[in-house]
Amino acid sequence: MATINLPIAQESEAIVRSVYAAFSGLARSGEIASYVAGHFHLDCEYQPVEEASPVRGHVALIAWIERWLEAWEDAWDEIDEIVASGEVVVAAIRVHGRGRSSGLEISQRLFDVHELRDGRVLRITEYLESHQALGAAGLLHGHAPREWAGTDGVEMRARYCASDVAGERRGFQART
């Protein structure tokens, strides 16, 4: 079980909260380059659930976010819960979006593991189930909020469909 250093954990939690707050305004502001430069380490890596391999570095991350936001008139994240241990933070979030073409609103629950370095995000790995994220962070049997128990239900697997006529992400497939 991981040992929690409260001052570092509180600082790490604040950093992660600021990352989500800033992301939630990107679809409207378009300030993607400054968002990435201000929140992500130069050697950053992002592993979204819908990608087969990680997105590495500022240039690739900016391009990925630009491509992702093309589909959405608005996109925002809500933090449900956060657990921090040192410079590792697990966040249970809801990703929301309103389709640019259809106006359809979506919401998906994800569990993100953030690894921080020098006050910035070094790595984010997304998971569809809480136990996967907590296990990856070394927190599976320790500091998970009670509310996370039983939240996974049916696993949702997201796959980006480049050929989507509406220009929006779809293809959420339920697996039991």
N, C-alpha and C. Protein backbone atom coordinates (compact mmCIF):
# COMPACT_ATOMS: atom_id res chain seq x y z
N MET A 1 0.85 -1.17 0.00
CA MET A 1 0.00 0.00 0.00
C MET A 1 0.89 1.24 0.00
N ALA A 2 0.52 2.23 -0.78
CA ALA A 2 1.29 3.47 -0.88
C ALA A 2 1.12 4.32 0.36
N THR A 3 2.19 4.99 0.75
CA THR A 3 2.15 5.92 1.87
C THR A 3 1.77 7.29 1.33
N ILE A 4 0.90 7.98 2.04
CA ILE A 4 0.46 9.29 1.57
C ILE A 4 1.21 10.38 2.31
N ASN A 5 1.85 11.27 1.57
CA ASN A 5 2.50 12.45 2.10
C ASN A 5 1.51 13.59 1.85
N LEU A 6 0.81 14.03 2.91
CA LEU A 6 -0.30 14.97 2.74
C LEU A 6 0.07 16.29 2.07
N PRO A 7 1.16 16.98 2.46
CA PRO A 7 1.44 18.24 1.77
C PRO A 7 1.68 18.06 0.27
N ILE A 8 2.43 17.04 -0.11
CA ILE A 8 2.68 16.79 -1.54
C ILE A 8 1.38 16.35 -2.22
N ALA A 9 0.61 15.48 -1.57
CA ALA A 9 -0.64 15.01 -2.15
C ALA A 9 -1.62 16.16 -2.36
N GLN A 10 -1.70 17.09 -1.41
CA GLN A 10 -2.60 18.23 -1.56
C GLN A 10 -2.17 19.13 -2.71
N GLU A 11 -0.87 19.35 -2.85
CA GLU A 11 -0.36 20.15 -3.97
C GLU A 11 -0.64 19.45 -5.30
N SER A 12 -0.43 18.14 -5.32
CA SER A 12 -0.68 17.36 -6.54
C SER A 12 -2.15 17.41 -6.92
N GLU A 13 -3.02 17.30 -5.93
CA GLU A 13 -4.46 17.38 -6.20
C GLU A 13 -4.82 18.74 -6.78
N ALA A 14 -4.25 19.81 -6.25
CA ALA A 14 -4.52 21.15 -6.76
C ALA A 14 -4.05 21.31 -8.20
N ILE A 15 -2.91 20.73 -8.53
CA ILE A 15 -2.40 20.79 -9.91
C ILE A 15 -3.37 20.09 -10.86
N VAL A 16 -3.81 18.90 -10.47
CA VAL A 16 -4.72 18.13 -11.33
C VAL A 16 -6.06 18.85 -11.48
N ARG A 17 -6.56 19.42 -10.40
CA ARG A 17 -7.82 20.18 -10.50
C ARG A 17 -7.67 21.35 -11.48
N SER A 18 -6.51 22.00 -11.47
CA SER A 18 -6.30 23.14 -12.38
C SER A 18 -6.22 22.67 -13.84
N VAL A 19 -5.69 21.47 -14.06
CA VAL A 19 -5.63 20.92 -15.42
C VAL A 19 -7.04 20.72 -15.97
N TYR A 20 -7.92 20.12 -15.16
CA TYR A 20 -9.31 19.90 -15.61
C TYR A 20 -10.06 21.22 -15.78
N ALA A 21 -9.86 22.16 -14.88
CA ALA A 21 -10.54 23.46 -14.99
C ALA A 21 -10.13 24.16 -16.28
N ALA A 22 -8.85 24.15 -16.59
CA ALA A 22 -8.37 24.81 -17.81
C ALA A 22 -8.86 24.07 -19.06
N PHE A 23 -8.88 22.74 -19.02
CA PHE A 23 -9.36 21.97 -20.17
C PHE A 23 -10.81 22.32 -20.50
N SER A 24 -11.60 22.52 -19.47
CA SER A 24 -13.03 22.75 -19.67
C SER A 24 -13.33 24.02 -20.44
N GLY A 25 -12.38 24.92 -20.59
CA GLY A 25 -12.60 26.13 -21.38
C GLY A 25 -11.99 26.09 -22.77
N LEU A 26 -11.29 25.01 -23.10
CA LEU A 26 -10.56 24.95 -24.37
C LEU A 26 -11.44 24.99 -25.62
N ALA A 27 -12.59 24.33 -25.57
CA ALA A 27 -13.44 24.28 -26.77
C ALA A 27 -13.89 25.69 -27.15
N ARG A 28 -14.07 26.55 -26.16
CA ARG A 28 -14.51 27.92 -26.44
C ARG A 28 -13.33 28.86 -26.70
N SER A 29 -12.23 28.68 -25.96
CA SER A 29 -11.12 29.63 -26.06
C SER A 29 -10.14 29.32 -27.19
N GLY A 30 -9.92 28.03 -27.45
CA GLY A 30 -8.97 27.64 -28.47
C GLY A 30 -7.51 27.83 -28.07
N GLU A 31 -7.24 28.10 -26.81
CA GLU A 31 -5.88 28.35 -26.31
C GLU A 31 -5.16 27.05 -25.98
N ILE A 32 -5.12 26.13 -26.91
CA ILE A 32 -4.58 24.80 -26.66
C ILE A 32 -3.08 24.83 -26.40
N ALA A 33 -2.32 25.56 -27.18
CA ALA A 33 -0.86 25.60 -27.01
C ALA A 33 -0.48 26.14 -25.63
N SER A 34 -1.14 27.19 -25.18
CA SER A 34 -0.80 27.74 -23.86
C SER A 34 -1.27 26.80 -22.75
N TYR A 35 -2.39 26.10 -22.96
CA TYR A 35 -2.85 25.10 -21.99
C TYR A 35 -1.81 24.00 -21.83
N VAL A 36 -1.33 23.46 -22.93
CA VAL A 36 -0.34 22.39 -22.88
C VAL A 36 0.96 22.89 -22.26
N ALA A 37 1.45 24.04 -22.70
CA ALA A 37 2.71 24.58 -22.17
C ALA A 37 2.62 24.87 -20.68
N GLY A 38 1.47 25.31 -20.21
CA GLY A 38 1.32 25.67 -18.81
C GLY A 38 1.08 24.53 -17.86
N HIS A 39 0.57 23.41 -18.38
CA HIS A 39 0.18 22.31 -17.50
C HIS A 39 0.96 21.01 -17.69
N PHE A 40 1.63 20.85 -18.82
CA PHE A 40 2.26 19.57 -19.13
C PHE A 40 3.78 19.68 -19.21
N HIS A 41 4.45 18.71 -18.65
CA HIS A 41 5.90 18.58 -18.71
C HIS A 41 6.31 18.41 -20.17
N LEU A 42 7.50 18.87 -20.52
CA LEU A 42 7.97 18.73 -21.92
C LEU A 42 7.99 17.28 -22.39
N ASP A 43 8.24 16.35 -21.49
CA ASP A 43 8.28 14.93 -21.84
C ASP A 43 6.94 14.24 -21.58
N CYS A 44 5.85 14.97 -21.69
CA CYS A 44 4.54 14.44 -21.33
C CYS A 44 4.13 13.27 -22.23
N GLU A 45 3.24 12.48 -21.66
CA GLU A 45 2.66 11.33 -22.37
C GLU A 45 1.20 11.22 -21.95
N TYR A 46 0.33 11.04 -22.92
CA TYR A 46 -1.10 10.91 -22.67
C TYR A 46 -1.59 9.65 -23.35
N GLN A 47 -2.23 8.76 -22.57
CA GLN A 47 -2.77 7.52 -23.11
C GLN A 47 -4.29 7.53 -22.95
N PRO A 48 -5.01 8.09 -23.96
CA PRO A 48 -6.47 8.06 -23.90
C PRO A 48 -6.98 6.66 -24.21
N VAL A 49 -8.17 6.35 -23.70
CA VAL A 49 -8.72 5.00 -23.90
C VAL A 49 -8.97 4.68 -25.36
N GLU A 50 -9.21 5.69 -26.19
CA GLU A 50 -9.56 5.42 -27.58
C GLU A 50 -8.37 5.32 -28.52
N GLU A 51 -7.17 5.45 -27.99
CA GLU A 51 -5.97 5.38 -28.83
C GLU A 51 -5.18 4.11 -28.51
N ALA A 52 -4.57 3.51 -29.53
CA ALA A 52 -3.78 2.30 -29.35
C ALA A 52 -2.41 2.59 -28.74
N SER A 53 -1.88 3.77 -28.99
CA SER A 53 -0.57 4.12 -28.45
C SER A 53 -0.63 5.51 -27.84
N PRO A 54 0.31 5.81 -26.94
CA PRO A 54 0.28 7.11 -26.27
C PRO A 54 0.64 8.28 -27.18
N VAL A 55 0.15 9.44 -26.79
CA VAL A 55 0.48 10.71 -27.44
C VAL A 55 1.66 11.27 -26.64
N ARG A 56 2.78 11.57 -27.31
CA ARG A 56 3.99 11.98 -26.59
C ARG A 56 4.46 13.37 -27.00
N GLY A 57 4.74 14.21 -26.01
CA GLY A 57 5.32 15.52 -26.25
C GLY A 57 4.28 16.60 -26.51
N HIS A 58 4.72 17.84 -26.37
CA HIS A 58 3.81 18.98 -26.52
C HIS A 58 3.20 19.07 -27.92
N VAL A 59 4.00 18.93 -28.95
CA VAL A 59 3.49 19.09 -30.32
C VAL A 59 2.42 18.05 -30.62
N ALA A 60 2.67 16.82 -30.27
CA ALA A 60 1.70 15.75 -30.52
C ALA A 60 0.45 15.93 -29.68
N LEU A 61 0.62 16.38 -28.43
CA LEU A 61 -0.55 16.58 -27.56
C LEU A 61 -1.42 17.73 -28.08
N ILE A 62 -0.81 18.80 -28.51
CA ILE A 62 -1.57 19.92 -29.09
C ILE A 62 -2.36 19.44 -30.31
N ALA A 63 -1.72 18.70 -31.19
CA ALA A 63 -2.39 18.19 -32.39
C ALA A 63 -3.54 17.25 -32.02
N TRP A 64 -3.32 16.39 -31.02
CA TRP A 64 -4.37 15.45 -30.61
C TRP A 64 -5.57 16.20 -30.05
N ILE A 65 -5.33 17.19 -29.18
CA ILE A 65 -6.43 17.96 -28.59
C ILE A 65 -7.18 18.73 -29.67
N GLU A 66 -6.46 19.34 -30.62
CA GLU A 66 -7.12 20.05 -31.72
C GLU A 66 -8.03 19.11 -32.49
N ARG A 67 -7.53 17.92 -32.81
CA ARG A 67 -8.33 16.94 -33.56
C ARG A 67 -9.54 16.51 -32.75
N TRP A 68 -9.34 16.27 -31.45
CA TRP A 68 -10.43 15.81 -30.59
C TRP A 68 -11.51 16.89 -30.48
N LEU A 69 -11.10 18.14 -30.33
CA LEU A 69 -12.07 19.23 -30.15
C LEU A 69 -12.82 19.58 -31.42
N GLU A 70 -12.31 19.18 -32.59
CA GLU A 70 -13.02 19.46 -33.85
C GLU A 70 -14.44 18.93 -33.83
N ALA A 71 -14.66 17.83 -33.14
CA ALA A 71 -15.97 17.19 -33.13
C ALA A 71 -16.97 17.87 -32.20
N TRP A 72 -16.48 18.72 -31.30
CA TRP A 72 -17.33 19.22 -30.23
C TRP A 72 -17.53 20.73 -30.30
N GLU A 73 -18.78 21.14 -30.19
CA GLU A 73 -19.10 22.56 -30.02
C GLU A 73 -18.63 23.00 -28.64
N ASP A 74 -18.79 22.12 -27.67
CA ASP A 74 -18.34 22.38 -26.31
C ASP A 74 -17.95 21.05 -25.69
N ALA A 75 -16.94 21.09 -24.86
CA ALA A 75 -16.48 19.89 -24.14
C ALA A 75 -15.99 20.32 -22.78
N TRP A 76 -16.30 19.54 -21.77
CA TRP A 76 -15.87 19.88 -20.42
C TRP A 76 -15.79 18.62 -19.58
N ASP A 77 -14.98 18.71 -18.53
CA ASP A 77 -14.81 17.61 -17.58
C ASP A 77 -15.33 18.03 -16.23
N GLU A 78 -15.88 17.08 -15.50
CA GLU A 78 -16.28 17.28 -14.11
C GLU A 78 -15.54 16.26 -13.27
N ILE A 79 -14.96 16.70 -12.19
CA ILE A 79 -14.28 15.79 -11.27
C ILE A 79 -15.29 15.28 -10.26
N ASP A 80 -15.42 13.95 -10.18
CA ASP A 80 -16.28 13.34 -9.17
C ASP A 80 -15.51 13.14 -7.86
N GLU A 81 -14.32 12.59 -7.97
CA GLU A 81 -13.49 12.30 -6.79
C GLU A 81 -12.03 12.34 -7.19
N ILE A 82 -11.17 12.64 -6.22
CA ILE A 82 -9.72 12.60 -6.43
C ILE A 82 -9.07 11.91 -5.25
N VAL A 83 -8.09 11.07 -5.56
CA VAL A 83 -7.23 10.45 -4.55
C VAL A 83 -5.80 10.74 -4.97
N ALA A 84 -5.02 11.31 -4.05
CA ALA A 84 -3.63 11.66 -4.36
C ALA A 84 -2.69 10.98 -3.38
N SER A 85 -1.59 10.49 -3.91
CA SER A 85 -0.52 9.91 -3.10
C SER A 85 0.79 10.43 -3.68
N GLY A 86 1.40 11.39 -3.00
CA GLY A 86 2.62 11.99 -3.52
C GLY A 86 2.33 12.68 -4.83
N GLU A 87 3.09 12.33 -5.86
CA GLU A 87 2.92 12.94 -7.17
C GLU A 87 2.10 12.08 -8.13
N VAL A 88 1.32 11.16 -7.56
CA VAL A 88 0.40 10.35 -8.35
C VAL A 88 -1.02 10.67 -7.89
N VAL A 89 -1.87 10.97 -8.86
CA VAL A 89 -3.25 11.37 -8.56
C VAL A 89 -4.18 10.54 -9.44
N VAL A 90 -5.21 9.96 -8.80
CA VAL A 90 -6.26 9.27 -9.54
C VAL A 90 -7.51 10.13 -9.46
N ALA A 91 -8.08 10.44 -10.61
CA ALA A 91 -9.28 11.26 -10.68
C ALA A 91 -10.40 10.48 -11.35
N ALA A 92 -11.54 10.40 -10.68
CA ALA A 92 -12.75 9.86 -11.28
C ALA A 92 -13.46 11.06 -11.89
N ILE A 93 -13.63 11.05 -13.20
CA ILE A 93 -14.19 12.21 -13.89
C ILE A 93 -15.35 11.81 -14.79
N ARG A 94 -16.10 12.81 -15.18
CA ARG A 94 -17.11 12.67 -16.22
C ARG A 94 -16.71 13.62 -17.34
N VAL A 95 -16.56 13.06 -18.52
CA VAL A 95 -16.25 13.86 -19.70
C VAL A 95 -17.57 14.14 -20.40
N HIS A 96 -17.82 15.40 -20.67
CA HIS A 96 -19.06 15.82 -21.33
C HIS A 96 -18.73 16.50 -22.65
N GLY A 97 -19.63 16.38 -23.59
CA GLY A 97 -19.45 17.08 -24.85
C GLY A 97 -20.78 17.31 -25.55
N ARG A 98 -20.82 18.37 -26.34
CA ARG A 98 -21.98 18.65 -27.18
C ARG A 98 -21.48 18.68 -28.62
N GLY A 99 -22.02 17.78 -29.42
CA GLY A 99 -21.56 17.61 -30.79
C GLY A 99 -21.70 18.86 -31.63
N ARG A 100 -20.67 19.13 -32.40
CA ARG A 100 -20.66 20.32 -33.28
C ARG A 100 -21.77 20.23 -34.33
N SER A 101 -21.94 19.08 -34.94
CA SER A 101 -22.93 18.93 -36.01
C SER A 101 -24.32 18.61 -35.48
N SER A 102 -24.40 17.72 -34.52
CA SER A 102 -25.70 17.21 -34.08
C SER A 102 -26.28 17.95 -32.89
N GLY A 103 -25.44 18.58 -32.08
CA GLY A 103 -25.92 19.20 -30.84
C GLY A 103 -26.17 18.17 -29.74
N LEU A 104 -25.94 16.90 -30.05
CA LEU A 104 -26.15 15.82 -29.10
C LEU A 104 -25.14 15.92 -27.96
N GLU A 105 -25.61 15.77 -26.73
CA GLU A 105 -24.73 15.79 -25.57
C GLU A 105 -24.40 14.37 -25.14
N ILE A 106 -23.13 14.16 -24.79
CA ILE A 106 -22.69 12.85 -24.30
C ILE A 106 -22.03 13.04 -22.94
N SER A 107 -21.92 11.94 -22.23
CA SER A 107 -21.22 11.94 -20.94
C SER A 107 -20.64 10.56 -20.75
N GLN A 108 -19.37 10.50 -20.34
CA GLN A 108 -18.73 9.21 -20.08
C GLN A 108 -17.89 9.34 -18.83
N ARG A 109 -17.91 8.31 -17.99
CA ARG A 109 -17.09 8.28 -16.79
C ARG A 109 -15.76 7.64 -17.12
N LEU A 110 -14.69 8.29 -16.70
CA LEU A 110 -13.33 7.77 -16.86
C LEU A 110 -12.59 7.89 -15.55
N PHE A 111 -11.51 7.12 -15.45
CA PHE A 111 -10.64 7.16 -14.28
C PHE A 111 -9.24 7.43 -14.79
N ASP A 112 -8.71 8.60 -14.47
CA ASP A 112 -7.41 9.04 -14.98
C ASP A 112 -6.34 8.94 -13.90
N VAL A 113 -5.20 8.36 -14.27
CA VAL A 113 -4.03 8.35 -13.39
C VAL A 113 -3.08 9.41 -13.91
N HIS A 114 -2.79 10.39 -13.07
CA HIS A 114 -1.86 11.48 -13.39
C HIS A 114 -0.55 11.24 -12.64
N GLU A 115 0.54 11.31 -13.36
CA GLU A 115 1.87 11.29 -12.74
C GLU A 115 2.47 12.66 -12.97
N LEU A 116 2.91 13.30 -11.90
CA LEU A 116 3.41 14.67 -11.98
C LEU A 116 4.92 14.70 -11.81
N ARG A 117 5.52 15.72 -12.40
CA ARG A 117 6.94 15.99 -12.23
C ARG A 117 7.14 17.50 -12.35
N ASP A 118 7.86 18.05 -11.39
CA ASP A 118 8.17 19.49 -11.41
C ASP A 118 6.92 20.36 -11.50
N GLY A 119 5.84 19.93 -10.85
CA GLY A 119 4.62 20.72 -10.83
C GLY A 119 3.78 20.67 -12.08
N ARG A 120 4.11 19.76 -12.99
CA ARG A 120 3.35 19.62 -14.24
C ARG A 120 3.02 18.15 -14.48
N VAL A 121 2.09 17.94 -15.39
CA VAL A 121 1.68 16.57 -15.72
C VAL A 121 2.74 15.93 -16.61
N LEU A 122 3.30 14.84 -16.13
CA LEU A 122 4.24 14.05 -16.92
C LEU A 122 3.47 13.02 -17.74
N ARG A 123 2.48 12.39 -17.11
CA ARG A 123 1.76 11.31 -17.79
C ARG A 123 0.31 11.26 -17.29
N ILE A 124 -0.60 11.05 -18.23
CA ILE A 124 -2.00 10.74 -17.90
C ILE A 124 -2.34 9.45 -18.63
N THR A 125 -2.87 8.51 -17.87
CA THR A 125 -3.35 7.25 -18.46
C THR A 125 -4.82 7.12 -18.08
N GLU A 126 -5.67 6.96 -19.08
CA GLU A 126 -7.11 6.82 -18.85
C GLU A 126 -7.49 5.36 -18.71
N TYR A 127 -8.44 5.11 -17.82
CA TYR A 127 -8.98 3.77 -17.63
C TYR A 127 -10.50 3.86 -17.61
N LEU A 128 -11.14 2.76 -17.95
CA LEU A 128 -12.59 2.69 -17.97
C LEU A 128 -13.16 2.20 -16.65
N GLU A 129 -12.32 1.57 -15.84
CA GLU A 129 -12.78 1.03 -14.57
C GLU A 129 -11.89 1.52 -13.44
N SER A 130 -12.51 1.78 -12.30
CA SER A 130 -11.78 2.33 -11.16
C SER A 130 -10.68 1.41 -10.67
N HIS A 131 -10.94 0.11 -10.62
CA HIS A 131 -9.92 -0.79 -10.08
C HIS A 131 -8.67 -0.82 -10.96
N GLN A 132 -8.83 -0.59 -12.26
CA GLN A 132 -7.66 -0.53 -13.14
C GLN A 132 -6.80 0.68 -12.80
N ALA A 133 -7.43 1.83 -12.64
CA ALA A 133 -6.69 3.06 -12.33
C ALA A 133 -6.06 2.99 -10.95
N LEU A 134 -6.81 2.54 -9.98
CA LEU A 134 -6.27 2.45 -8.61
C LEU A 134 -5.13 1.45 -8.54
N GLY A 135 -5.25 0.34 -9.26
CA GLY A 135 -4.17 -0.65 -9.30
C GLY A 135 -2.92 -0.08 -9.94
N ALA A 136 -3.08 0.64 -11.05
CA ALA A 136 -1.94 1.24 -11.74
C ALA A 136 -1.25 2.27 -10.86
N ALA A 137 -2.01 2.94 -9.99
CA ALA A 137 -1.46 3.97 -9.12
C ALA A 137 -0.94 3.39 -7.80
N GLY A 138 -1.12 2.09 -7.59
CA GLY A 138 -0.70 1.48 -6.33
C GLY A 138 -1.63 1.77 -5.18
N LEU A 139 -2.89 2.10 -5.47
CA LEU A 139 -3.86 2.48 -4.44
C LEU A 139 -5.05 1.54 -4.38
N LEU A 140 -4.93 0.37 -4.95
CA LEU A 140 -6.09 -0.52 -5.07
C LEU A 140 -6.69 -0.87 -3.71
N HIS A 141 -5.87 -1.10 -2.70
CA HIS A 141 -6.38 -1.50 -1.39
C HIS A 141 -6.07 -0.46 -0.34
N GLY A 142 -6.36 0.77 -0.62
CA GLY A 142 -5.97 1.73 0.37
C GLY A 142 -6.90 2.91 0.46
N HIS A 143 -6.73 3.86 -0.38
CA HIS A 143 -7.30 5.16 -0.16
C HIS A 143 -8.40 5.52 -1.16
N ALA A 144 -9.03 4.52 -1.75
CA ALA A 144 -10.09 4.80 -2.71
C ALA A 144 -11.35 5.26 -1.98
N PRO A 145 -12.01 6.27 -2.49
CA PRO A 145 -13.27 6.71 -1.88
C PRO A 145 -14.31 5.60 -1.92
N ARG A 146 -15.07 5.50 -0.88
CA ARG A 146 -16.12 4.48 -0.77
C ARG A 146 -17.10 4.56 -1.94
N GLU A 147 -17.32 5.78 -2.45
CA GLU A 147 -18.27 5.98 -3.54
C GLU A 147 -17.84 5.29 -4.83
N TRP A 148 -16.55 4.94 -4.95
CA TRP A 148 -16.07 4.31 -6.18
C TRP A 148 -16.47 2.85 -6.26
N ALA A 149 -16.82 2.26 -5.15
CA ALA A 149 -17.17 0.84 -5.15
C ALA A 149 -18.40 0.62 -6.01
N GLY A 150 -18.31 -0.31 -6.93
CA GLY A 150 -19.45 -0.68 -7.76
C GLY A 150 -19.81 0.33 -8.84
N THR A 151 -18.92 1.26 -9.17
CA THR A 151 -19.28 2.27 -10.17
C THR A 151 -19.00 1.83 -11.59
N ASP A 152 -18.31 0.70 -11.75
CA ASP A 152 -17.89 0.33 -13.09
C ASP A 152 -19.02 -0.26 -13.93
N GLY A 153 -19.80 -1.15 -13.35
CA GLY A 153 -20.90 -1.76 -14.08
C GLY A 153 -20.46 -2.33 -15.40
N VAL A 154 -21.09 -1.93 -16.45
CA VAL A 154 -20.75 -2.39 -17.79
C VAL A 154 -19.57 -1.56 -18.28
N GLU A 155 -18.53 -2.25 -18.72
CA GLU A 155 -17.35 -1.54 -19.23
C GLU A 155 -17.67 -0.93 -20.58
N MET A 156 -17.33 0.34 -20.72
CA MET A 156 -17.54 1.03 -21.98
C MET A 156 -16.19 1.19 -22.67
N ARG A 157 -16.13 0.78 -23.90
CA ARG A 157 -14.88 0.92 -24.64
C ARG A 157 -15.09 1.92 -25.77
N ALA A 158 -14.29 2.97 -25.76
CA ALA A 158 -14.45 4.01 -26.77
C ALA A 158 -13.51 3.76 -27.93
N ARG A 159 -14.05 3.89 -29.12
CA ARG A 159 -13.21 3.78 -30.32
C ARG A 159 -13.53 4.96 -31.21
N TYR A 160 -12.50 5.63 -31.63
CA TYR A 160 -12.68 6.79 -32.50
C TYR A 160 -12.99 6.30 -33.92
N CYS A 161 -14.01 6.86 -34.50
CA CYS A 161 -14.41 6.48 -35.85
C CYS A 161 -14.07 7.64 -36.78
N ALA A 162 -12.98 7.53 -37.47
CA ALA A 162 -12.53 8.62 -38.35
C ALA A 162 -13.51 8.86 -39.49
N SER A 163 -14.28 7.84 -39.84
CA SER A 163 -15.19 7.97 -40.97
C SER A 163 -16.57 8.46 -40.57
N ASP A 164 -16.74 8.88 -39.31
CA ASP A 164 -18.04 9.32 -38.84
C ASP A 164 -18.54 10.49 -39.67
N VAL A 165 -19.68 10.33 -40.29
CA VAL A 165 -20.23 11.34 -41.18
C VAL A 165 -20.53 12.64 -40.43
N ALA A 166 -20.99 12.53 -39.19
CA ALA A 166 -21.34 13.73 -38.41
C ALA A 166 -20.10 14.42 -37.87
N GLY A 167 -18.94 13.77 -37.96
CA GLY A 167 -17.73 14.39 -37.46
C GLY A 167 -17.58 14.29 -35.96
N GLU A 168 -18.32 13.40 -35.33
CA GLU A 168 -18.26 13.25 -33.88
C GLU A 168 -17.78 11.85 -33.54
N ARG A 169 -17.25 11.71 -32.34
CA ARG A 169 -16.82 10.40 -31.87
C ARG A 169 -18.04 9.58 -31.54
N ARG A 170 -18.00 8.36 -31.94
CA ARG A 170 -19.05 7.43 -31.58
C ARG A 170 -18.45 6.05 -31.56
N GLY A 171 -19.24 5.05 -31.41
CA GLY A 171 -18.71 3.71 -31.38
C GLY A 171 -18.47 3.23 -29.96
N PHE A 172 -19.20 3.77 -28.98
CA PHE A 172 -19.08 3.27 -27.63
C PHE A 172 -19.73 1.90 -27.60
N GLN A 173 -18.96 0.90 -27.27
CA GLN A 173 -19.45 -0.47 -27.30
C GLN A 173 -19.47 -1.04 -25.88
N ALA A 174 -20.61 -1.54 -25.46
CA ALA A 174 -20.72 -2.13 -24.13
C ALA A 174 -20.12 -3.52 -24.12
N ARG A 175 -19.33 -3.80 -23.09
CA ARG A 175 -18.80 -5.15 -22.88
C ARG A 175 -19.09 -5.53 -21.44
N THR A 176 -19.46 -6.77 -21.22
CA THR A 176 -19.69 -7.22 -19.86
C THR A 176 -18.57 -8.10 -19.41
